[in-house]
């Protein structure tokens, strides 16, 4: 059935929901959708914390995957059909504070990518009421702290629930243990809504940058605005359909563009623009 194919669903959601929101000219209108996506992620976090105290450890976990359904609805996982594993060893319920293996190298670029918000700073500042440097700094500090707290709590309680048996997709681990659960289905829907409503916010600064690079001296045109938006969204859909795992995208962007935006370019701009401080000052060295 076509509606069970993930690729068709991605295209359908992009055309029906993401594209109309991405075509909005002003970022302020997306504040409502961003607020809704934030509420969805807070609901996800609350469920993760509550499940930590509901799921005992050690637990026995039996998993039988329907191979056809898995291939059409989800990305392939590390499990094979009719595979059963146990979490009955007490040692599996002891946290390991430092883990170094072949997967550890993915952690740094993914963490770097998760805090990339720099492209949206200028559009947000442009539409900020009573804008000033101090007000923008307060917005940035509150946003960074809130995201850091949500990332930390979700990762911490997710790990302390399943320990070494956590999968790359946390919600799939809950389904493995609990089977069909109405609350988990609602959480999945909330995460889906949150991710979907975040895409237009990300597209806005990308389109703004492309417009300023190619057509800075020209007046606003809905045709140009629409073509750039559709092109960006089409490229995004191609990545979603053809790249096997999201980890590869996060790892590549985190190791390249995210590192430039977070560590290299801000420091280079500060050194270039701030002339009153010597090169050996604490601010420029740090």
C-alpha atoms as a PDB file:
ATOM      1  CA  UNK A   1       0.000   0.000   0.000  1.00  0.00           C
ATOM      2  CA  UNK A   2       1.369   3.382  -1.007  1.00  0.00           C
ATOM      3  CA  UNK A   3       0.389   5.099   2.253  1.00  0.00           C
ATOM      4  CA  UNK A   4       2.570   2.655   4.197  1.00  0.00           C
ATOM      5  CA  UNK A   5       5.647   3.683   2.213  1.00  0.00           C
ATOM      6  CA  UNK A   6       7.770   6.148   4.190  1.00  0.00           C
ATOM      7  CA  UNK A   7       9.057   7.913   1.067  1.00  0.00           C
ATOM      8  CA  UNK A   8       5.544   8.766  -0.114  1.00  0.00           C
ATOM      9  CA  UNK A   9       4.602   9.979   3.362  1.00  0.00           C
ATOM     10  CA  UNK A  10       7.637  12.273   3.443  1.00  0.00           C
ATOM     11  CA  UNK A  11       6.655  13.827   0.117  1.00  0.00           C
ATOM     12  CA  UNK A  12       3.009  14.155   1.165  1.00  0.00           C
ATOM     13  CA  UNK A  13       3.817  15.888   4.465  1.00  0.00           C
ATOM     14  CA  UNK A  14       6.299  18.163   2.694  1.00  0.00           C
ATOM     15  CA  UNK A  15       3.739  19.299   0.124  1.00  0.00           C
ATOM     16  CA  UNK A  16       0.713  19.600   2.410  1.00  0.00           C
ATOM     17  CA  UNK A  17       2.238  20.998   5.605  1.00  0.00           C
ATOM     18  CA  UNK A  18       5.906  21.987   5.374  1.00  0.00           C
ATOM     19  CA  UNK A  19       5.823  23.839   2.039  1.00  0.00           C
ATOM     20  CA  UNK A  20       2.962  26.249   2.927  1.00  0.00           C
ATOM     21  CA  UNK A  21       4.639  27.137   6.232  1.00  0.00           C
ATOM     22  CA  UNK A  22       8.026  27.539   4.540  1.00  0.00           C
ATOM     23  CA  UNK A  23       6.577  29.999   2.023  1.00  0.00           C
ATOM     24  CA  UNK A  24       5.701  32.496   4.765  1.00  0.00           C
ATOM     25  CA  UNK A  25       7.595  35.721   4.234  1.00  0.00           C
ATOM     26  CA  UNK A  26       8.119  36.673   7.896  1.00  0.00           C
ATOM     27  CA  UNK A  27       9.642  34.571  10.647  1.00  0.00           C
ATOM     28  CA  UNK A  28       7.253  35.938  13.270  1.00  0.00           C
ATOM     29  CA  UNK A  29       4.359  33.850  11.977  1.00  0.00           C
ATOM     30  CA  UNK A  30       6.357  30.687  12.699  1.00  0.00           C
ATOM     31  CA  UNK A  31       6.577  31.549  16.394  1.00  0.00           C
ATOM     32  CA  UNK A  32       3.279  29.764  17.046  1.00  0.00           C
ATOM     33  CA  UNK A  33       4.377  26.565  15.310  1.00  0.00           C
ATOM     34  CA  UNK A  34       7.740  26.711  17.095  1.00  0.00           C
ATOM     35  CA  UNK A  35       5.947  27.015  20.424  1.00  0.00           C
ATOM     36  CA  UNK A  36       3.817  23.978  19.582  1.00  0.00           C
ATOM     37  CA  UNK A  37       6.888  21.934  18.606  1.00  0.00           C
ATOM     38  CA  UNK A  38       8.573  22.906  21.881  1.00  0.00           C
ATOM     39  CA  UNK A  39       5.518  21.727  23.841  1.00  0.00           C
ATOM     40  CA  UNK A  40       5.623  18.423  21.950  1.00  0.00           C
ATOM     41  CA  UNK A  41       9.271  17.882  22.884  1.00  0.00           C
ATOM     42  CA  UNK A  42       8.553  18.758  26.510  1.00  0.00           C
ATOM     43  CA  UNK A  43       5.825  16.105  26.489  1.00  0.00           C
ATOM     44  CA  UNK A  44       8.365  13.631  25.086  1.00  0.00           C
ATOM     45  CA  UNK A  45      10.806  14.540  27.864  1.00  0.00           C
ATOM     46  CA  UNK A  46       8.178  14.110  30.592  1.00  0.00           C
ATOM     47  CA  UNK A  47       7.271  10.644  29.283  1.00  0.00           C
ATOM     48  CA  UNK A  48      10.951   9.599  29.153  1.00  0.00           C
ATOM     49  CA  UNK A  49      11.433  10.681  32.774  1.00  0.00           C
ATOM     50  CA  UNK A  50       8.252   8.922  33.948  1.00  0.00           C
ATOM     51  CA  UNK A  51       9.088   5.673  32.120  1.00  0.00           C
ATOM     52  CA  UNK A  52      12.397   5.508  33.976  1.00  0.00           C
ATOM     53  CA  UNK A  53      10.481   4.832  37.202  1.00  0.00           C
ATOM     54  CA  UNK A  54       7.903   2.520  35.581  1.00  0.00           C
ATOM     55  CA  UNK A  55      10.195   0.118  33.727  1.00  0.00           C
ATOM     56  CA  UNK A  56      12.133  -2.156  36.113  1.00  0.00           C
ATOM     57  CA  UNK A  57      15.696  -3.193  35.543  1.00  0.00           C
ATOM     58  CA  UNK A  58      16.632  -5.912  34.763  1.00  0.00           C
ATOM     59  CA  UNK A  59      13.775  -6.835  32.455  1.00  0.00           C
ATOM     60  CA  UNK A  60      13.210  -9.592  29.933  1.00  0.00           C
ATOM     61  CA  UNK A  61      12.675  -8.314  26.452  1.00  0.00           C
ATOM     62  CA  UNK A  62      11.285 -10.394  23.621  1.00  0.00           C
ATOM     63  CA  UNK A  63      11.237  -8.981  20.132  1.00  0.00           C
ATOM     64  CA  UNK A  64       9.741 -10.372  16.948  1.00  0.00           C
ATOM     65  CA  UNK A  65       9.989  -7.920  14.089  1.00  0.00           C
ATOM     66  CA  UNK A  66       7.711  -8.117  11.104  1.00  0.00           C
ATOM     67  CA  UNK A  67      10.248  -7.823   8.316  1.00  0.00           C
ATOM     68  CA  UNK A  68       7.819  -6.442   5.752  1.00  0.00           C
ATOM     69  CA  UNK A  69       6.398  -3.790   8.064  1.00  0.00           C
ATOM     70  CA  UNK A  70       9.883  -2.835   9.230  1.00  0.00           C
ATOM     71  CA  UNK A  71      11.089  -2.308   5.669  1.00  0.00           C
ATOM     72  CA  UNK A  72       8.161  -0.093   4.704  1.00  0.00           C
ATOM     73  CA  UNK A  73       7.525   1.979   7.811  1.00  0.00           C
ATOM     74  CA  UNK A  74      10.898   2.383   9.456  1.00  0.00           C
ATOM     75  CA  UNK A  75      14.556   2.409   8.681  1.00  0.00           C
ATOM     76  CA  UNK A  76      16.293  -0.954   9.157  1.00  0.00           C
ATOM     77  CA  UNK A  77      17.514  -1.425  12.701  1.00  0.00           C
ATOM     78  CA  UNK A  78      20.255  -3.444  14.274  1.00  0.00           C
ATOM     79  CA  UNK A  79      17.772  -6.221  15.075  1.00  0.00           C
ATOM     80  CA  UNK A  80      16.886  -9.153  12.848  1.00  0.00           C
ATOM     81  CA  UNK A  81      13.486 -10.817  12.630  1.00  0.00           C
ATOM     82  CA  UNK A  82      12.545 -13.222  15.396  1.00  0.00           C
ATOM     83  CA  UNK A  83      15.475 -12.149  17.537  1.00  0.00           C
ATOM     84  CA  UNK A  84      15.140 -12.322  21.296  1.00  0.00           C
ATOM     85  CA  UNK A  85      17.502 -10.766  23.799  1.00  0.00           C
ATOM     86  CA  UNK A  86      17.496 -10.611  27.576  1.00  0.00           C
ATOM     87  CA  UNK A  87      18.258  -7.908  30.088  1.00  0.00           C
ATOM     88  CA  UNK A  88      18.337 -10.156  33.132  1.00  0.00           C
ATOM     89  CA  UNK A  89      21.935  -9.627  34.180  1.00  0.00           C
ATOM     90  CA  UNK A  90      22.330  -7.250  37.092  1.00  0.00           C
ATOM     91  CA  UNK A  91      25.541  -5.928  35.521  1.00  0.00           C
ATOM     92  CA  UNK A  92      23.469  -4.571  32.631  1.00  0.00           C
ATOM     93  CA  UNK A  93      21.732  -2.227  35.104  1.00  0.00           C
ATOM     94  CA  UNK A  94      24.933  -0.506  36.164  1.00  0.00           C
ATOM     95  CA  UNK A  95      25.729   2.730  34.326  1.00  0.00           C
ATOM     96  CA  UNK A  96      28.991   3.012  32.422  1.00  0.00           C
ATOM     97  CA  UNK A  97      30.163   6.592  32.736  1.00  0.00           C
ATOM     98  CA  UNK A  98      32.773   6.517  29.967  1.00  0.00           C
ATOM     99  CA  UNK A  99      32.437   4.400  26.845  1.00  0.00           C
ATOM    100  CA  UNK A 100      35.033   4.434  24.097  1.00  0.00           C
ATOM    101  CA  UNK A 101      34.368   2.363  20.991  1.00  0.00           C
ATOM    102  CA  UNK A 102      33.956   2.729  17.241  1.00  0.00           C
ATOM    103  CA  UNK A 103      30.720   4.694  17.716  1.00  0.00           C
ATOM    104  CA  UNK A 104      32.149   7.265  20.121  1.00  0.00           C
ATOM    105  CA  UNK A 105      33.505   9.368  17.268  1.00  0.00           C
ATOM    106  CA  UNK A 106      29.925  10.197  16.208  1.00  0.00           C
ATOM    107  CA  UNK A 107      29.151  11.850  19.553  1.00  0.00           C
ATOM    108  CA  UNK A 108      31.113  15.084  19.072  1.00  0.00           C
ATOM    109  CA  UNK A 109      29.723  16.109  15.643  1.00  0.00           C
ATOM    110  CA  UNK A 110      26.173  15.186  16.713  1.00  0.00           C
ATOM    111  CA  UNK A 111      26.503  17.274  19.886  1.00  0.00           C
ATOM    112  CA  UNK A 112      27.944  20.109  17.816  1.00  0.00           C
ATOM    113  CA  UNK A 113      25.107  19.933  15.305  1.00  0.00           C
ATOM    114  CA  UNK A 114      22.455  19.923  18.045  1.00  0.00           C
ATOM    115  CA  UNK A 115      23.469  23.422  19.179  1.00  0.00           C
ATOM    116  CA  UNK A 116      23.669  25.043  15.744  1.00  0.00           C
ATOM    117  CA  UNK A 117      21.237  27.961  15.775  1.00  0.00           C
ATOM    118  CA  UNK A 118      23.555  30.647  14.412  1.00  0.00           C
ATOM    119  CA  UNK A 119      21.928  31.009  10.954  1.00  0.00           C
ATOM    120  CA  UNK A 120      18.639  32.007  12.617  1.00  0.00           C
ATOM    121  CA  UNK A 121      20.160  34.679  14.885  1.00  0.00           C
ATOM    122  CA  UNK A 122      19.984  37.583  12.418  1.00  0.00           C
ATOM    123  CA  UNK A 123      16.394  36.895  11.226  1.00  0.00           C
ATOM    124  CA  UNK A 124      15.276  36.576  14.861  1.00  0.00           C
ATOM    125  CA  UNK A 125      17.063  39.799  15.818  1.00  0.00           C
ATOM    126  CA  UNK A 126      15.493  41.594  12.859  1.00  0.00           C
ATOM    127  CA  UNK A 127      11.972  40.774  14.090  1.00  0.00           C
ATOM    128  CA  UNK A 128      12.699  41.053  17.833  1.00  0.00           C
ATOM    129  CA  UNK A 129      10.558  43.646  19.632  1.00  0.00           C
ATOM    130  CA  UNK A 130      12.637  46.378  21.279  1.00  0.00           C
ATOM    131  CA  UNK A 131      15.739  44.789  19.856  1.00  0.00           C
ATOM    132  CA  UNK A 132      19.078  45.460  21.470  1.00  0.00           C
ATOM    133  CA  UNK A 133      22.292  43.553  22.027  1.00  0.00           C
ATOM    134  CA  UNK A 134      21.426  42.857  25.665  1.00  0.00           C
ATOM    135  CA  UNK A 135      17.931  41.620  24.835  1.00  0.00           C
ATOM    136  CA  UNK A 136      19.277  39.335  22.124  1.00  0.00           C
ATOM    137  CA  UNK A 137      21.880  37.935  24.518  1.00  0.00           C
ATOM    138  CA  UNK A 138      19.135  37.139  27.026  1.00  0.00           C
ATOM    139  CA  UNK A 139      17.145  35.345  24.331  1.00  0.00           C
ATOM    140  CA  UNK A 140      20.227  33.336  23.334  1.00  0.00           C
ATOM    141  CA  UNK A 141      21.144  32.399  26.911  1.00  0.00           C
ATOM    142  CA  UNK A 142      17.623  31.265  27.790  1.00  0.00           C
ATOM    143  CA  UNK A 143      17.322  29.269  24.559  1.00  0.00           C
ATOM    144  CA  UNK A 144      20.687  27.552  24.951  1.00  0.00           C
ATOM    145  CA  UNK A 145      20.059  26.686  28.592  1.00  0.00           C
ATOM    146  CA  UNK A 146      16.583  25.313  27.860  1.00  0.00           C
ATOM    147  CA  UNK A 147      17.844  23.144  25.003  1.00  0.00           C
ATOM    148  CA  UNK A 148      20.839  21.937  27.022  1.00  0.00           C
ATOM    149  CA  UNK A 149      18.551  20.953  29.900  1.00  0.00           C
ATOM    150  CA  UNK A 150      16.151  19.079  27.613  1.00  0.00           C
ATOM    151  CA  UNK A 151      18.966  17.252  25.807  1.00  0.00           C
ATOM    152  CA  UNK A 152      20.641  16.336  29.093  1.00  0.00           C
ATOM    153  CA  UNK A 153      17.512  15.035  30.824  1.00  0.00           C
ATOM    154  CA  UNK A 154      16.292  13.062  27.798  1.00  0.00           C
ATOM    155  CA  UNK A 155      19.693  11.428  27.282  1.00  0.00           C
ATOM    156  CA  UNK A 156      20.240  10.770  30.992  1.00  0.00           C
ATOM    157  CA  UNK A 157      16.866   9.209  31.780  1.00  0.00           C
ATOM    158  CA  UNK A 158      16.760   7.347  28.471  1.00  0.00           C
ATOM    159  CA  UNK A 159      20.129   5.772  29.224  1.00  0.00           C
ATOM    160  CA  UNK A 160      19.292   5.018  32.862  1.00  0.00           C
ATOM    161  CA  UNK A 161      16.165   3.176  31.708  1.00  0.00           C
ATOM    162  CA  UNK A 162      17.826   0.713  29.301  1.00  0.00           C
ATOM    163  CA  UNK A 163      21.565   1.227  29.866  1.00  0.00           C
ATOM    164  CA  UNK A 164      23.631  -0.609  27.232  1.00  0.00           C
ATOM    165  CA  UNK A 165      20.502  -1.778  25.383  1.00  0.00           C
ATOM    166  CA  UNK A 166      19.497   1.708  24.218  1.00  0.00           C
ATOM    167  CA  UNK A 167      19.001   1.758  20.455  1.00  0.00           C
ATOM    168  CA  UNK A 168      19.847   4.625  18.137  1.00  0.00           C
ATOM    169  CA  UNK A 169      16.125   5.470  18.142  1.00  0.00           C
ATOM    170  CA  UNK A 170      15.082   5.763  21.780  1.00  0.00           C
ATOM    171  CA  UNK A 171      11.347   5.391  21.159  1.00  0.00           C
ATOM    172  CA  UNK A 172      11.937   2.102  19.344  1.00  0.00           C
ATOM    173  CA  UNK A 173      13.556   0.764  22.514  1.00  0.00           C
ATOM    174  CA  UNK A 174      10.395   1.538  24.474  1.00  0.00           C
ATOM    175  CA  UNK A 175       8.320  -0.281  21.849  1.00  0.00           C
ATOM    176  CA  UNK A 176      10.652  -3.257  22.125  1.00  0.00           C
ATOM    177  CA  UNK A 177      10.072  -3.502  25.862  1.00  0.00           C
ATOM    178  CA  UNK A 178       6.449  -2.437  26.172  1.00  0.00           C
ATOM    179  CA  UNK A 179       4.985  -3.480  22.844  1.00  0.00           C
ATOM    180  CA  UNK A 180       1.945  -1.544  21.676  1.00  0.00           C
ATOM    181  CA  UNK A 181       1.352   1.301  24.111  1.00  0.00           C
ATOM    182  CA  UNK A 182      -1.085   4.160  23.524  1.00  0.00           C
ATOM    183  CA  UNK A 183       1.085   6.685  25.363  1.00  0.00           C
ATOM    184  CA  UNK A 184       4.115   5.786  23.238  1.00  0.00           C
ATOM    185  CA  UNK A 185       2.049   6.212  20.076  1.00  0.00           C
ATOM    186  CA  UNK A 186       1.026   9.680  21.262  1.00  0.00           C
ATOM    187  CA  UNK A 187       4.676  10.501  22.015  1.00  0.00           C
ATOM    188  CA  UNK A 188       5.708   9.370  18.530  1.00  0.00           C
ATOM    189  CA  UNK A 189       3.029  11.602  17.045  1.00  0.00           C
ATOM    190  CA  UNK A 190       4.199  14.528  19.201  1.00  0.00           C
ATOM    191  CA  UNK A 191       7.815  14.062  18.075  1.00  0.00           C
ATOM    192  CA  UNK A 192       6.648  13.838  14.464  1.00  0.00           C
ATOM    193  CA  UNK A 193       4.746  17.113  14.825  1.00  0.00           C
ATOM    194  CA  UNK A 194       7.736  18.776  16.520  1.00  0.00           C
ATOM    195  CA  UNK A 195      10.198  17.756  13.805  1.00  0.00           C
ATOM    196  CA  UNK A 196       7.777  18.680  11.016  1.00  0.00           C
ATOM    197  CA  UNK A 197       7.111  22.157  12.421  1.00  0.00           C
ATOM    198  CA  UNK A 198      10.830  22.783  12.919  1.00  0.00           C
ATOM    199  CA  UNK A 199      11.679  22.411   9.228  1.00  0.00           C
ATOM    200  CA  UNK A 200      10.142  25.766   8.104  1.00  0.00           C
ATOM    201  CA  UNK A 201      12.114  27.576  10.826  1.00  0.00           C
ATOM    202  CA  UNK A 202      15.350  26.042   9.526  1.00  0.00           C
ATOM    203  CA  UNK A 203      14.500  26.764   5.886  1.00  0.00           C
ATOM    204  CA  UNK A 204      13.897  30.471   6.603  1.00  0.00           C
ATOM    205  CA  UNK A 205      17.555  31.486   7.288  1.00  0.00           C
ATOM    206  CA  UNK A 206      18.800  29.230   4.483  1.00  0.00           C
ATOM    207  CA  UNK A 207      16.500  30.936   1.989  1.00  0.00           C
ATOM    208  CA  UNK A 208      17.430  34.340   3.374  1.00  0.00           C
ATOM    209  CA  UNK A 209      21.147  33.601   2.925  1.00  0.00           C
ATOM    210  CA  UNK A 210      20.686  32.338  -0.628  1.00  0.00           C
ATOM    211  CA  UNK A 211      18.581  35.387  -1.508  1.00  0.00           C
ATOM    212  CA  UNK A 212      21.179  37.812  -0.157  1.00  0.00           C
ATOM    213  CA  UNK A 213      23.976  36.011  -1.987  1.00  0.00           C
ATOM    214  CA  UNK A 214      22.260  35.874  -5.379  1.00  0.00           C
ATOM    215  CA  UNK A 215      19.735  38.707  -5.421  1.00  0.00           C
ATOM    216  CA  UNK A 216      20.747  41.214  -2.759  1.00  0.00           C
ATOM    217  CA  UNK A 217      20.084  44.279  -4.925  1.00  0.00           C
ATOM    218  CA  UNK A 218      16.722  43.120  -6.284  1.00  0.00           C
ATOM    219  CA  UNK A 219      13.253  43.763  -4.874  1.00  0.00           C
ATOM    220  CA  UNK A 220      11.242  40.994  -3.288  1.00  0.00           C
ATOM    221  CA  UNK A 221       9.638  38.596  -5.749  1.00  0.00           C
ATOM    222  CA  UNK A 222       7.213  35.816  -4.849  1.00  0.00           C
ATOM    223  CA  UNK A 223       8.399  33.786  -7.832  1.00  0.00           C
ATOM    224  CA  UNK A 224      12.022  33.895  -6.705  1.00  0.00           C
ATOM    225  CA  UNK A 225      10.961  33.354  -3.091  1.00  0.00           C
ATOM    226  CA  UNK A 226       8.944  30.261  -4.049  1.00  0.00           C
ATOM    227  CA  UNK A 227      11.573  28.766  -6.365  1.00  0.00           C
ATOM    228  CA  UNK A 228      14.307  28.998  -3.725  1.00  0.00           C
ATOM    229  CA  UNK A 229      12.011  27.502  -1.074  1.00  0.00           C
ATOM    230  CA  UNK A 230      10.931  24.589  -3.277  1.00  0.00           C
ATOM    231  CA  UNK A 231      14.548  23.904  -4.278  1.00  0.00           C
ATOM    232  CA  UNK A 232      15.714  23.764  -0.652  1.00  0.00           C
ATOM    233  CA  UNK A 233      12.812  21.530   0.351  1.00  0.00           C
ATOM    234  CA  UNK A 234      13.360  19.224  -2.640  1.00  0.00           C
ATOM    235  CA  UNK A 235      17.039  18.810  -1.757  1.00  0.00           C
ATOM    236  CA  UNK A 236      16.067  18.054   1.849  1.00  0.00           C
ATOM    237  CA  UNK A 237      13.604  15.387   0.713  1.00  0.00           C
ATOM    238  CA  UNK A 238      16.260  13.749  -1.453  1.00  0.00           C
ATOM    239  CA  UNK A 239      18.547  13.485   1.570  1.00  0.00           C
ATOM    240  CA  UNK A 240      15.764  12.012   3.700  1.00  0.00           C
ATOM    241  CA  UNK A 241      14.868   9.415   1.067  1.00  0.00           C
ATOM    242  CA  UNK A 242      18.323   8.311  -0.074  1.00  0.00           C
ATOM    243  CA  UNK A 243      20.555   8.681   3.005  1.00  0.00           C
ATOM    244  CA  UNK A 244      20.136   5.459   5.024  1.00  0.00           C
ATOM    245  CA  UNK A 245      20.438   6.882   8.551  1.00  0.00           C
ATOM    246  CA  UNK A 246      20.038  10.338  10.066  1.00  0.00           C
ATOM    247  CA  UNK A 247      23.220   9.736  12.033  1.00  0.00           C
ATOM    248  CA  UNK A 248      25.258  10.042   8.839  1.00  0.00           C
ATOM    249  CA  UNK A 249      23.740  13.457   8.099  1.00  0.00           C
ATOM    250  CA  UNK A 250      24.222  14.700  11.659  1.00  0.00           C
ATOM    251  CA  UNK A 251      27.790  13.416  11.696  1.00  0.00           C
ATOM    252  CA  UNK A 252      28.742  15.032   8.388  1.00  0.00           C
ATOM    253  CA  UNK A 253      27.142  18.408   9.118  1.00  0.00           C
ATOM    254  CA  UNK A 254      28.390  18.398  12.700  1.00  0.00           C
ATOM    255  CA  UNK A 255      31.951  17.737  11.581  1.00  0.00           C
ATOM    256  CA  UNK A 256      31.920  20.332   8.782  1.00  0.00           C
ATOM    257  CA  UNK A 257      29.439  23.226   8.700  1.00  0.00           C
ATOM    258  CA  UNK A 258      28.483  23.077  12.388  1.00  0.00           C
ATOM    259  CA  UNK A 259      32.103  23.225  13.510  1.00  0.00           C
ATOM    260  CA  UNK A 260      32.663  26.237  11.259  1.00  0.00           C
ATOM    261  CA  UNK A 261      29.561  28.044  12.549  1.00  0.00           C
ATOM    262  CA  UNK A 262      30.178  27.356  16.236  1.00  0.00           C
ATOM    263  CA  UNK A 263      33.941  27.394  16.726  1.00  0.00           C
ATOM    264  CA  UNK A 264      35.837  28.843  13.765  1.00  0.00           C
ATOM    265  CA  UNK A 265      33.833  31.665  12.144  1.00  0.00           C
ATOM    266  CA  UNK A 266      32.669  33.450  15.349  1.00  0.00           C
ATOM    267  CA  UNK A 267      36.243  33.517  16.626  1.00  0.00           C
ATOM    268  CA  UNK A 268      37.566  34.744  13.281  1.00  0.00           C
ATOM    269  CA  UNK A 269      34.932  37.499  13.114  1.00  0.00           C
ATOM    270  CA  UNK A 270      35.709  38.601  16.669  1.00  0.00           C
ATOM    271  CA  UNK A 271      39.445  38.797  15.968  1.00  0.00           C
ATOM    272  CA  UNK A 272      38.833  40.727  12.749  1.00  0.00           C
ATOM    273  CA  UNK A 273      36.179  43.171  13.991  1.00  0.00           C
ATOM    274  CA  UNK A 274      37.316  43.959  17.539  1.00  0.00           C
ATOM    275  CA  UNK A 275      40.422  46.089  17.080  1.00  0.00           C
ATOM    276  CA  UNK A 276      40.687  47.592  20.565  1.00  0.00           C
ATOM    277  CA  UNK A 277      41.850  44.368  22.199  1.00  0.00           C
ATOM    278  CA  UNK A 278      45.348  42.970  21.586  1.00  0.00           C
ATOM    279  CA  UNK A 279      45.778  39.583  19.947  1.00  0.00           C
ATOM    280  CA  UNK A 280      47.147  38.098  23.173  1.00  0.00           C
ATOM    281  CA  UNK A 281      44.146  39.174  25.271  1.00  0.00           C
ATOM    282  CA  UNK A 282      42.081  36.577  27.133  1.00  0.00           C
ATOM    283  CA  UNK A 283      39.009  37.276  24.992  1.00  0.00           C
ATOM    284  CA  UNK A 284      40.781  36.656  21.678  1.00  0.00           C
ATOM    285  CA  UNK A 285      42.798  33.676  22.879  1.00  0.00           C
ATOM    286  CA  UNK A 286      39.749  32.055  24.547  1.00  0.00           C
END
